[in-house]
PDB file of N, CA and C in Angstrom:
ATOM      1  N   MET A   1      16.812   9.262  13.429  1.00  0.00           N
ATOM      2  CA  MET A   1      17.916   9.535  12.540  1.00  0.00           C
ATOM      3  C   MET A   1      19.005   8.503  12.808  1.00  0.00           C
ATOM      4  N   HIS A   2      19.614   8.066  11.734  1.00  0.00           N
ATOM      5  CA  HIS A   2      20.707   7.108  11.845  1.00  0.00           C
ATOM      6  C   HIS A   2      21.854   7.768  12.596  1.00  0.00           C
ATOM      7  N   PRO A   3      22.546   7.029  13.501  1.00  0.00           N
ATOM      8  CA  PRO A   3      23.621   7.613  14.304  1.00  0.00           C
ATOM      9  C   PRO A   3      24.709   8.292  13.483  1.00  0.00           C
ATOM     10  N   SER A   4      25.002   7.782  12.285  1.00  0.00           N
ATOM     11  CA  SER A   4      26.074   8.374  11.487  1.00  0.00           C
ATOM     12  C   SER A   4      25.575   9.520  10.607  1.00  0.00           C
ATOM     13  N   ALA A   5      24.258   9.716  10.537  1.00  0.00           N
ATOM     14  CA  ALA A   5      23.711  10.781   9.693  1.00  0.00           C
ATOM     15  C   ALA A   5      23.757  12.115  10.425  1.00  0.00           C
ATOM     16  N   LYS A   6      24.110  13.125   9.685  1.00  0.00           N
ATOM     17  CA  LYS A   6      24.144  14.478  10.223  1.00  0.00           C
ATOM     18  C   LYS A   6      22.838  15.166   9.866  1.00  0.00           C
ATOM     19  N   PRO A   7      22.400  16.146  10.665  1.00  0.00           N
ATOM     20  CA  PRO A   7      21.123  16.807  10.387  1.00  0.00           C
ATOM     21  C   PRO A   7      21.022  17.366   8.966  1.00  0.00           C
ATOM     22  N   ASN A   8      22.129  17.790   8.366  1.00  0.00           N
ATOM     23  CA  ASN A   8      22.093  18.353   7.029  1.00  0.00           C
ATOM     24  C   ASN A   8      22.460  17.338   5.957  1.00  0.00           C
ATOM     25  N   ASP A   9      22.470  16.069   6.287  1.00  0.00           N
ATOM     26  CA  ASP A   9      22.818  15.011   5.341  1.00  0.00           C
ATOM     27  C   ASP A   9      21.693  14.872   4.319  1.00  0.00           C
ATOM     28  N   THR A  10      21.900  15.429   3.118  1.00  0.00           N
ATOM     29  CA  THR A  10      20.840  15.413   2.117  1.00  0.00           C
ATOM     30  C   THR A  10      20.621  14.038   1.509  1.00  0.00           C
ATOM     31  N   SER A  11      21.614  13.146   1.545  1.00  0.00           N
ATOM     32  CA  SER A  11      21.403  11.820   0.963  1.00  0.00           C
ATOM     33  C   SER A  11      20.327  11.065   1.735  1.00  0.00           C
ATOM     34  N   SER A  12      20.245  11.243   3.041  1.00  0.00           N
ATOM     35  CA  SER A  12      19.218  10.560   3.821  1.00  0.00           C
ATOM     36  C   SER A  12      17.834  11.144   3.549  1.00  0.00           C
ATOM     37  N   GLN A  13      17.776  12.377   3.053  1.00  0.00           N
ATOM     38  CA  GLN A  13      16.498  12.999   2.741  1.00  0.00           C
ATOM     39  C   GLN A  13      16.018  12.635   1.345  1.00  0.00           C
ATOM     40  N   ARG A  14      16.911  12.085   0.514  1.00  0.00           N
ATOM     41  CA  ARG A  14      16.549  11.714  -0.851  1.00  0.00           C
ATOM     42  C   ARG A  14      16.144  10.256  -0.961  1.00  0.00           C
ATOM     43  N   GLU A  15      16.261   9.506   0.099  1.00  0.00           N
ATOM     44  CA  GLU A  15      15.952   8.081   0.072  1.00  0.00           C
ATOM     45  C   GLU A  15      14.968   7.762   1.194  1.00  0.00           C
ATOM     46  N   TRP A  16      14.276   6.662   1.026  1.00  0.00           N
ATOM     47  CA  TRP A  16      13.384   6.198   2.087  1.00  0.00           C
ATOM     48  C   TRP A  16      14.226   5.621   3.208  1.00  0.00           C
ATOM     49  N   PRO A  17      13.736   5.643   4.438  1.00  0.00           N
ATOM     50  CA  PRO A  17      14.498   5.065   5.552  1.00  0.00           C
ATOM     51  C   PRO A  17      14.863   3.605   5.270  1.00  0.00           C
ATOM     52  N   ALA A  18      16.031   3.226   5.735  1.00  0.00           N
ATOM     53  CA  ALA A  18      16.514   1.865   5.528  1.00  0.00           C
ATOM     54  C   ALA A  18      15.476   0.850   5.996  1.00  0.00           C
ATOM     55  N   GLU A  19      15.293  -0.160   5.209  1.00  0.00           N
ATOM     56  CA  GLU A  19      14.415  -1.288   5.513  1.00  0.00           C
ATOM     57  C   GLU A  19      12.929  -0.939   5.547  1.00  0.00           C
ATOM     58  N   SER A  20      12.557   0.280   5.168  1.00  0.00           N
ATOM     59  CA  SER A  20      11.140   0.645   5.196  1.00  0.00           C
ATOM     60  C   SER A  20      10.346  -0.131   4.145  1.00  0.00           C
ATOM     61  N   GLN A  21      10.937  -0.346   2.968  1.00  0.00           N
ATOM     62  CA  GLN A  21      10.206  -1.092   1.956  1.00  0.00           C
ATOM     63  C   GLN A  21      10.023  -2.548   2.391  1.00  0.00           C
ATOM     64  N   GLU A  22      11.038  -3.125   3.017  1.00  0.00           N
ATOM     65  CA  GLU A  22      10.901  -4.497   3.517  1.00  0.00           C
ATOM     66  C   GLU A  22       9.783  -4.584   4.555  1.00  0.00           C
ATOM     67  N   ALA A  23       9.707  -3.593   5.429  1.00  0.00           N
ATOM     68  CA  ALA A  23       8.654  -3.570   6.454  1.00  0.00           C
ATOM     69  C   ALA A  23       7.281  -3.426   5.804  1.00  0.00           C
ATOM     70  N   ALA A  24       7.180  -2.575   4.797  1.00  0.00           N
ATOM     71  CA  ALA A  24       5.907  -2.391   4.100  1.00  0.00           C
ATOM     72  C   ALA A  24       5.495  -3.671   3.386  1.00  0.00           C
ATOM     73  N   ARG A  25       6.451  -4.322   2.744  1.00  0.00           N
ATOM     74  CA  ARG A  25       6.144  -5.594   2.059  1.00  0.00           C
ATOM     75  C   ARG A  25       5.680  -6.658   3.051  1.00  0.00           C
ATOM     76  N   ALA A  26       6.326  -6.713   4.211  1.00  0.00           N
ATOM     77  CA  ALA A  26       5.932  -7.692   5.231  1.00  0.00           C
ATOM     78  C   ALA A  26       4.514  -7.393   5.734  1.00  0.00           C
ATOM     79  N   LEU A  27       4.209  -6.113   5.947  1.00  0.00           N
ATOM     80  CA  LEU A  27       2.859  -5.740   6.380  1.00  0.00           C
ATOM     81  C   LEU A  27       1.843  -6.108   5.312  1.00  0.00           C
ATOM     82  N   HIS A  28       2.149  -5.795   4.064  1.00  0.00           N
ATOM     83  CA  HIS A  28       1.213  -6.140   2.986  1.00  0.00           C
ATOM     84  C   HIS A  28       0.996  -7.647   2.920  1.00  0.00           C
ATOM     85  N   GLU A  29       2.054  -8.411   3.075  1.00  0.00           N
ATOM     86  CA  GLU A  29       1.917  -9.871   3.038  1.00  0.00           C
ATOM     87  C   GLU A  29       1.009 -10.360   4.169  1.00  0.00           C
ATOM     88  N   GLN A  30       1.109  -9.736   5.326  1.00  0.00           N
ATOM     89  CA  GLN A  30       0.257 -10.113   6.459  1.00  0.00           C
ATOM     90  C   GLN A  30      -1.206  -9.763   6.198  1.00  0.00           C
ATOM     91  N   LEU A  31      -1.460  -8.659   5.516  1.00  0.00           N
ATOM     92  CA  LEU A  31      -2.824  -8.169   5.320  1.00  0.00           C
ATOM     93  C   LEU A  31      -3.468  -8.630   4.016  1.00  0.00           C
ATOM     94  N   ARG A  32      -2.661  -9.126   3.107  1.00  0.00           N
ATOM     95  CA  ARG A  32      -3.172  -9.549   1.801  1.00  0.00           C
ATOM     96  C   ARG A  32      -4.174 -10.680   1.955  1.00  0.00           C
ATOM     97  N   ILE A  33      -5.276 -10.561   1.250  1.00  0.00           N
ATOM     98  CA  ILE A  33      -6.313 -11.596   1.263  1.00  0.00           C
ATOM     99  C   ILE A  33      -6.074 -12.491   0.054  1.00  0.00           C
ATOM    100  N   ASN A  34      -5.707 -13.729   0.316  1.00  0.00           N
ATOM    101  CA  ASN A  34      -5.450 -14.647  -0.789  1.00  0.00           C
ATOM    102  C   ASN A  34      -6.742 -15.366  -1.193  1.00  0.00           C
ATOM    103  N   GLU A  35      -6.651 -16.192  -2.220  1.00  0.00           N
ATOM    104  CA  GLU A  35      -7.836 -16.883  -2.743  1.00  0.00           C
ATOM    105  C   GLU A  35      -8.528 -17.741  -1.689  1.00  0.00           C
ATOM    106  N   ARG A  36      -7.765 -18.367  -0.834  1.00  0.00           N
ATOM    107  CA  ARG A  36      -8.352 -19.250   0.181  1.00  0.00           C
ATOM    108  C   ARG A  36      -9.089 -18.459   1.266  1.00  0.00           C
ATOM    109  N   GLN A  37      -8.657 -17.229   1.511  1.00  0.00           N
ATOM    110  CA  GLN A  37      -9.275 -16.397   2.550  1.00  0.00           C
ATOM    111  C   GLN A  37     -10.422 -15.539   2.027  1.00  0.00           C
ATOM    112  N   TRP A  38     -10.524 -15.422   0.711  1.00  0.00           N
ATOM    113  CA  TRP A  38     -11.448 -14.467   0.123  1.00  0.00           C
ATOM    114  C   TRP A  38     -12.876 -14.639   0.627  1.00  0.00           C
ATOM    115  N   HIS A  39     -13.404 -15.848   0.610  1.00  0.00           N
ATOM    116  CA  HIS A  39     -14.798 -16.055   1.014  1.00  0.00           C
ATOM    117  C   HIS A  39     -15.031 -15.701   2.478  1.00  0.00           C
ATOM    118  N   ALA A  40     -14.044 -15.950   3.320  1.00  0.00           N
ATOM    119  CA  ALA A  40     -14.204 -15.637   4.746  1.00  0.00           C
ATOM    120  C   ALA A  40     -14.047 -14.149   5.039  1.00  0.00           C
ATOM    121  N   LEU A  41     -13.245 -13.441   4.251  1.00  0.00           N
ATOM    122  CA  LEU A  41     -12.907 -12.051   4.577  1.00  0.00           C
ATOM    123  C   LEU A  41     -13.471 -11.014   3.617  1.00  0.00           C
ATOM    124  N   LYS A  42     -14.114 -11.445   2.548  1.00  0.00           N
ATOM    125  CA  LYS A  42     -14.543 -10.521   1.496  1.00  0.00           C
ATOM    126  C   LYS A  42     -15.521  -9.457   1.971  1.00  0.00           C
ATOM    127  N   ALA A  43     -16.270  -9.720   3.003  1.00  0.00           N
ATOM    128  CA  ALA A  43     -17.274  -8.771   3.476  1.00  0.00           C
ATOM    129  C   ALA A  43     -16.762  -7.874   4.608  1.00  0.00           C
ATOM    130  N   GLN A  44     -15.474  -7.891   4.859  1.00  0.00           N
ATOM    131  CA  GLN A  44     -14.894  -7.059   5.918  1.00  0.00           C
ATOM    132  C   GLN A  44     -14.257  -5.819   5.287  1.00  0.00           C
ATOM    133  N   PRO A  45     -14.983  -4.714   5.246  1.00  0.00           N
ATOM    134  CA  PRO A  45     -14.467  -3.537   4.547  1.00  0.00           C
ATOM    135  C   PRO A  45     -13.167  -2.988   5.129  1.00  0.00           C
ATOM    136  N   GLN A  46     -13.004  -3.049   6.425  1.00  0.00           N
ATOM    137  CA  GLN A  46     -11.755  -2.546   7.001  1.00  0.00           C
ATOM    138  C   GLN A  46     -10.573  -3.420   6.599  1.00  0.00           C
ATOM    139  N   ARG A  47     -10.809  -4.703   6.508  1.00  0.00           N
ATOM    140  CA  ARG A  47      -9.746  -5.622   6.086  1.00  0.00           C
ATOM    141  C   ARG A  47      -9.348  -5.350   4.638  1.00  0.00           C
ATOM    142  N   ARG A  48     -10.363  -5.150   3.774  1.00  0.00           N
ATOM    143  CA  ARG A  48     -10.081  -4.849   2.371  1.00  0.00           C
ATOM    144  C   ARG A  48      -9.348  -3.520   2.251  1.00  0.00           C
ATOM    145  N   ALA A  49      -9.767  -2.520   3.030  1.00  0.00           N
ATOM    146  CA  ALA A  49      -9.118  -1.209   2.982  1.00  0.00           C
ATOM    147  C   ALA A  49      -7.675  -1.306   3.459  1.00  0.00           C
ATOM    148  N   ALA A  50      -7.436  -2.033   4.528  1.00  0.00           N
ATOM    149  CA  ALA A  50      -6.075  -2.183   5.054  1.00  0.00           C
ATOM    150  C   ALA A  50      -5.179  -2.856   4.023  1.00  0.00           C
ATOM    151  N   GLU A  51      -5.701  -3.855   3.334  1.00  0.00           N
ATOM    152  CA  GLU A  51      -4.935  -4.538   2.293  1.00  0.00           C
ATOM    153  C   GLU A  51      -4.541  -3.542   1.190  1.00  0.00           C
ATOM    154  N   GLN A  52      -5.488  -2.720   0.773  1.00  0.00           N
ATOM    155  CA  GLN A  52      -5.226  -1.748  -0.283  1.00  0.00           C
ATOM    156  C   GLN A  52      -4.241  -0.667   0.170  1.00  0.00           C
ATOM    157  N   LEU A  53      -4.368  -0.195   1.399  1.00  0.00           N
ATOM    158  CA  LEU A  53      -3.454   0.825   1.920  1.00  0.00           C
ATOM    159  C   LEU A  53      -2.037   0.285   2.061  1.00  0.00           C
ATOM    160  N   ALA A  54      -1.909  -0.966   2.490  1.00  0.00           N
ATOM    161  CA  ALA A  54      -0.579  -1.567   2.601  1.00  0.00           C
ATOM    162  C   ALA A  54       0.060  -1.710   1.217  1.00  0.00           C
ATOM    163  N   ALA A  55      -0.740  -2.064   0.225  1.00  0.00           N
ATOM    164  CA  ALA A  55      -0.224  -2.171  -1.145  1.00  0.00           C
ATOM    165  C   ALA A  55       0.230  -0.800  -1.643  1.00  0.00           C
ATOM    166  N   ALA A  56      -0.522   0.237  -1.316  1.00  0.00           N
ATOM    167  CA  ALA A  56      -0.143   1.599  -1.707  1.00  0.00           C
ATOM    168  C   ALA A  56       1.175   1.990  -1.051  1.00  0.00           C
ATOM    169  N   LEU A  57       1.343   1.626   0.192  1.00  0.00           N
ATOM    170  CA  LEU A  57       2.582   1.945   0.905  1.00  0.00           C
ATOM    171  C   LEU A  57       3.781   1.271   0.248  1.00  0.00           C
ATOM    172  N   VAL A  58       3.620   0.032  -0.173  1.00  0.00           N
ATOM    173  CA  VAL A  58       4.702  -0.675  -0.866  1.00  0.00           C
ATOM    174  C   VAL A  58       5.103   0.101  -2.124  1.00  0.00           C
ATOM    175  N   LEU A  59       4.115   0.571  -2.864  1.00  0.00           N
ATOM    176  CA  LEU A  59       4.414   1.331  -4.083  1.00  0.00           C
ATOM    177  C   LEU A  59       5.092   2.659  -3.765  1.00  0.00           C
ATOM    178  N   LEU A  60       4.628   3.344  -2.733  1.00  0.00           N
ATOM    179  CA  LEU A  60       5.226   4.632  -2.383  1.00  0.00           C
ATOM    180  C   LEU A  60       6.678   4.484  -1.949  1.00  0.00           C
ATOM    181  N   LEU A  61       7.003   3.386  -1.297  1.00  0.00           N
ATOM    182  CA  LEU A  61       8.345   3.179  -0.781  1.00  0.00           C
ATOM    183  C   LEU A  61       9.281   2.515  -1.788  1.00  0.00           C
ATOM    184  N   ASP A  62       8.822   2.350  -3.002  1.00  0.00           N
ATOM    185  CA  ASP A  62       9.655   1.769  -4.061  1.00  0.00           C
ATOM    186  C   ASP A  62      10.870   2.672  -4.279  1.00  0.00           C
ATOM    187  N   PRO A  63      12.079   2.101  -4.316  1.00  0.00           N
ATOM    188  CA  PRO A  63      13.277   2.916  -4.538  1.00  0.00           C
ATOM    189  C   PRO A  63      13.214   3.736  -5.836  1.00  0.00           C
ATOM    190  N   ALA A  64      12.452   3.285  -6.813  1.00  0.00           N
ATOM    191  CA  ALA A  64      12.305   4.042  -8.057  1.00  0.00           C
ATOM    192  C   ALA A  64      11.408   5.258  -7.877  1.00  0.00           C
ATOM    193  N   ASN A  65      10.821   5.408  -6.699  1.00  0.00           N
ATOM    194  CA  ASN A  65       9.922   6.510  -6.390  1.00  0.00           C
ATOM    195  C   ASN A  65      10.469   7.247  -5.161  1.00  0.00           C
ATOM    196  N   PRO A  66      11.562   8.010  -5.308  1.00  0.00           N
ATOM    197  CA  PRO A  66      12.166   8.667  -4.149  1.00  0.00           C
ATOM    198  C   PRO A  66      11.226   9.680  -3.506  1.00  0.00           C
ATOM    199  N   PRO A  67      11.370   9.911  -2.193  1.00  0.00           N
ATOM    200  CA  PRO A  67      10.441  10.790  -1.480  1.00  0.00           C
ATOM    201  C   PRO A  67      10.415  12.215  -2.000  1.00  0.00           C
ATOM    202  N   GLY A  68      11.492  12.675  -2.586  1.00  0.00           N
ATOM    203  CA  GLY A  68      11.534  14.047  -3.077  1.00  0.00           C
ATOM    204  C   GLY A  68      11.272  14.183  -4.564  1.00  0.00           C
ATOM    205  N   ALA A  69      10.758  13.129  -5.196  1.00  0.00           N
ATOM    206  CA  ALA A  69      10.523  13.173  -6.646  1.00  0.00           C
ATOM    207  C   ALA A  69       9.565  14.305  -6.987  1.00  0.00           C
ATOM    208  N   ALA A  70       9.962  15.134  -7.920  1.00  0.00           N
ATOM    209  CA  ALA A  70       9.160  16.297  -8.296  1.00  0.00           C
ATOM    210  C   ALA A  70       7.916  15.911  -9.088  1.00  0.00           C
ATOM    211  N   SER A  71       8.038  14.895  -9.924  1.00  0.00           N
ATOM    212  CA  SER A  71       6.888  14.501 -10.734  1.00  0.00           C
ATOM    213  C   SER A  71       6.327  13.176 -10.241  1.00  0.00           C
ATOM    214  N   ALA A  72       5.061  12.999 -10.503  1.00  0.00           N
ATOM    215  CA  ALA A  72       4.387  11.773 -10.094  1.00  0.00           C
ATOM    216  C   ALA A  72       4.657  10.681 -11.107  1.00  0.00           C
ATOM    217  N   GLY A  73       5.337   9.636 -10.660  1.00  0.00           N
ATOM    218  CA  GLY A  73       5.618   8.498 -11.518  1.00  0.00           C
ATOM    219  C   GLY A  73       4.507   7.475 -11.442  1.00  0.00           C
ATOM    220  N   PRO A  74       4.681   6.367 -12.138  1.00  0.00           N
ATOM    221  CA  PRO A  74       3.636   5.337 -12.150  1.00  0.00           C
ATOM    222  C   PRO A  74       3.311   4.797 -10.756  1.00  0.00           C
ATOM    223  N   GLN A  75       4.337   4.666  -9.895  1.00  0.00           N
ATOM    224  CA  GLN A  75       4.084   4.146  -8.553  1.00  0.00           C
ATOM    225  C   GLN A  75       3.153   5.077  -7.784  1.00  0.00           C
ATOM    226  N   ARG A  76       3.386   6.377  -7.895  1.00  0.00           N
ATOM    227  CA  ARG A  76       2.563   7.333  -7.158  1.00  0.00           C
ATOM    228  C   ARG A  76       1.125   7.315  -7.676  1.00  0.00           C
ATOM    229  N   HIS A  77       0.949   7.215  -8.994  1.00  0.00           N
ATOM    230  CA  HIS A  77      -0.406   7.160  -9.559  1.00  0.00           C
ATOM    231  C   HIS A  77      -1.135   5.897  -9.111  1.00  0.00           C
ATOM    232  N   GLU A  78      -0.430   4.775  -9.158  1.00  0.00           N
ATOM    233  CA  GLU A  78      -1.061   3.516  -8.744  1.00  0.00           C
ATOM    234  C   GLU A  78      -1.355   3.525  -7.247  1.00  0.00           C
ATOM    235  N   ALA A  79      -0.444   4.091  -6.455  1.00  0.00           N
ATOM    236  CA  ALA A  79      -0.681   4.201  -5.009  1.00  0.00           C
ATOM    237  C   ALA A  79      -1.910   5.057  -4.736  1.00  0.00           C
ATOM    238  N   ALA A  80      -2.062   6.156  -5.462  1.00  0.00           N
ATOM    239  CA  ALA A  80      -3.227   7.023  -5.277  1.00  0.00           C
ATOM    240  C   ALA A  80      -4.515   6.271  -5.607  1.00  0.00           C
ATOM    241  N   ALA A  81      -4.487   5.464  -6.665  1.00  0.00           N
ATOM    242  CA  ALA A  81      -5.665   4.674  -7.029  1.00  0.00           C
ATOM    243  C   ALA A  81      -6.006   3.661  -5.937  1.00  0.00           C
ATOM    244  N   LEU A  82      -4.986   3.052  -5.348  1.00  0.00           N
ATOM    245  CA  LEU A  82      -5.222   2.094  -4.258  1.00  0.00           C
ATOM    246  C   LEU A  82      -5.786   2.790  -3.026  1.00  0.00           C
ATOM    247  N   VAL A  83      -5.309   3.983  -2.732  1.00  0.00           N
ATOM    248  CA  VAL A  83      -5.833   4.745  -1.590  1.00  0.00           C
ATOM    249  C   VAL A  83      -7.304   5.093  -1.836  1.00  0.00           C
ATOM    250  N   GLU A  84      -7.632   5.516  -3.051  1.00  0.00           N
ATOM    251  CA  GLU A  84      -9.031   5.817  -3.389  1.00  0.00           C
ATOM    252  C   GLU A  84      -9.895   4.564  -3.245  1.00  0.00           C
ATOM    253  N   HIS A  85      -9.368   3.437  -3.682  1.00  0.00           N
ATOM    254  CA  HIS A  85     -10.096   2.171  -3.560  1.00  0.00           C
ATOM    255  C   HIS A  85     -10.314   1.837  -2.083  1.00  0.00           C
ATOM    256  N   ALA A  86      -9.285   2.026  -1.275  1.00  0.00           N
ATOM    257  CA  ALA A  86      -9.413   1.773   0.163  1.00  0.00           C
ATOM    258  C   ALA A  86     -10.469   2.674   0.781  1.00  0.00           C
ATOM    259  N   LEU A  87     -10.490   3.936   0.372  1.00  0.00           N
ATOM    260  CA  LEU A  87     -11.508   4.855   0.889  1.00  0.00           C
ATOM    261  C   LEU A  87     -12.914   4.394   0.520  1.00  0.00           C
ATOM    262  N   GLY A  88     -13.055   3.847  -0.675  1.00  0.00           N
ATOM    263  CA  GLY A  88     -14.350   3.307  -1.080  1.00  0.00           C
ATOM    264  C   GLY A  88     -14.823   2.206  -0.154  1.00  0.00           C
ATOM    265  N   TRP A  89     -13.905   1.336   0.245  1.00  0.00           N
ATOM    266  CA  TRP A  89     -14.261   0.275   1.196  1.00  0.00           C
ATOM    267  C   TRP A  89     -14.600   0.864   2.556  1.00  0.00           C
ATOM    268  N   LEU A  90     -13.804   1.825   3.013  1.00  0.00           N
ATOM    269  CA  LEU A  90     -14.041   2.410   4.335  1.00  0.00           C
ATOM    270  C   LEU A  90     -15.355   3.181   4.403  1.00  0.00           C
ATOM    271  N   LYS A  91     -15.694   3.872   3.343  1.00  0.00           N
ATOM    272  CA  LYS A  91     -16.924   4.671   3.312  1.00  0.00           C
ATOM    273  C   LYS A  91     -18.160   3.828   3.030  1.00  0.00           C
ATOM    274  N   GLY A  92     -17.963   2.595   2.644  1.00  0.00           N
ATOM    275  CA  GLY A  92     -19.093   1.731   2.318  1.00  0.00           C
ATOM    276  C   GLY A  92     -19.565   1.879   0.882  1.00  0.00           C
ATOM    277  N   ASP A  93     -18.810   2.608   0.070  1.00  0.00           N
ATOM    278  CA  ASP A  93     -19.167   2.774  -1.335  1.00  0.00           C
ATOM    279  C   ASP A  93     -18.885   1.506  -2.140  1.00  0.00           C
ATOM    280  N   LEU A  94     -17.944   0.694  -1.671  1.00  0.00           N
ATOM    281  CA  LEU A  94     -17.603  -0.561  -2.340  1.00  0.00           C
ATOM    282  C   LEU A  94     -18.097  -1.729  -1.500  1.00  0.00           C
ATOM    283  N   ARG A  95     -18.528  -2.745  -2.188  1.00  0.00           N
ATOM    284  CA  ARG A  95     -18.986  -3.958  -1.516  1.00  0.00           C
ATOM    285  C   ARG A  95     -18.413  -5.162  -2.265  1.00  0.00           C
ATOM    286  N   ASP A  96     -18.531  -6.312  -1.631  1.00  0.00           N
ATOM    287  CA  ASP A  96     -18.072  -7.559  -2.234  1.00  0.00           C
ATOM    288  C   ASP A  96     -18.696  -7.714  -3.617  1.00  0.00           C
ATOM    289  N   PRO A  97     -17.865  -7.854  -4.644  1.00  0.00           N
ATOM    290  CA  PRO A  97     -18.404  -7.996  -5.998  1.00  0.00           C
ATOM    291  C   PRO A  97     -18.931  -9.393  -6.297  1.00  0.00           C
ATOM    292  N   GLY A  98     -18.777 -10.309  -5.391  1.00  0.00           N
ATOM    293  CA  GLY A  98     -19.221 -11.678  -5.633  1.00  0.00           C
ATOM    294  C   GLY A  98     -18.131 -12.485  -6.318  1.00  0.00           C
ATOM    295  N   CYS A  99     -18.298 -13.738  -6.321  1.00  0.00           N
ATOM    296  CA  CYS A  99     -17.310 -14.639  -6.888  1.00  0.00           C
ATOM    297  C   CYS A  99     -17.694 -14.966  -8.325  1.00  0.00           C
ATOM    298  N   PRO A 100     -16.834 -14.644  -9.286  1.00  0.00           N
ATOM    299  CA  PRO A 100     -17.155 -14.915 -10.682  1.00  0.00           C
ATOM    300  C   PRO A 100     -17.448 -16.394 -10.956  1.00  0.00           C
ATOM    301  N   SER A 101     -16.799 -17.275 -10.204  1.00  0.00           N
ATOM    302  CA  SER A 101     -17.000 -18.719 -10.455  1.00  0.00           C
ATOM    303  C   SER A 101     -18.353 -19.210  -9.956  1.00  0.00           C
ATOM    304  N   HIS A 102     -19.086 -18.350  -9.210  1.00  0.00           N
ATOM    305  CA  HIS A 102     -20.401 -18.732  -8.714  1.00  0.00           C
ATOM    306  C   HIS A 102     -21.524 -18.067  -9.504  1.00  0.00           C
ATOM    307  N   GLY A 103     -21.178 -17.456 -10.629  1.00  0.00           N
ATOM    308  CA  GLY A 103     -22.187 -16.907 -11.512  1.00  0.00           C
ATOM    309  C   GLY A 103     -22.787 -15.585 -11.065  1.00  0.00           C
ATOM    310  N   ARG A 104     -22.114 -14.874 -10.165  1.00  0.00           N
ATOM    311  CA  ARG A 104     -22.624 -13.574  -9.717  1.00  0.00           C
ATOM    312  C   ARG A 104     -21.939 -12.450 -10.399  1.00  0.00           C
TER     313      ARG A 104
END
């Protein structure tokens, strides 16, 4: 808890912790597989899952998607889809789709 926040401070409960979105974006940037890395990392399911989960976290921590939002907005739906995609990689249901430029 922030030193100036009081236990009943509802404004801190309506917003994500300070700098959490920046931290999530930095993590996603570290885990993101770019075009140059794709061939080396495409067959690593845990790496693909981590990339997808970090992207979901960025969406969940979007200021337009407050933690107490009653309805599911676009960020929450897209985050859920990314989590499902990550689970597919972790469970082995998803595999490298191949490189379109190589005719696969």
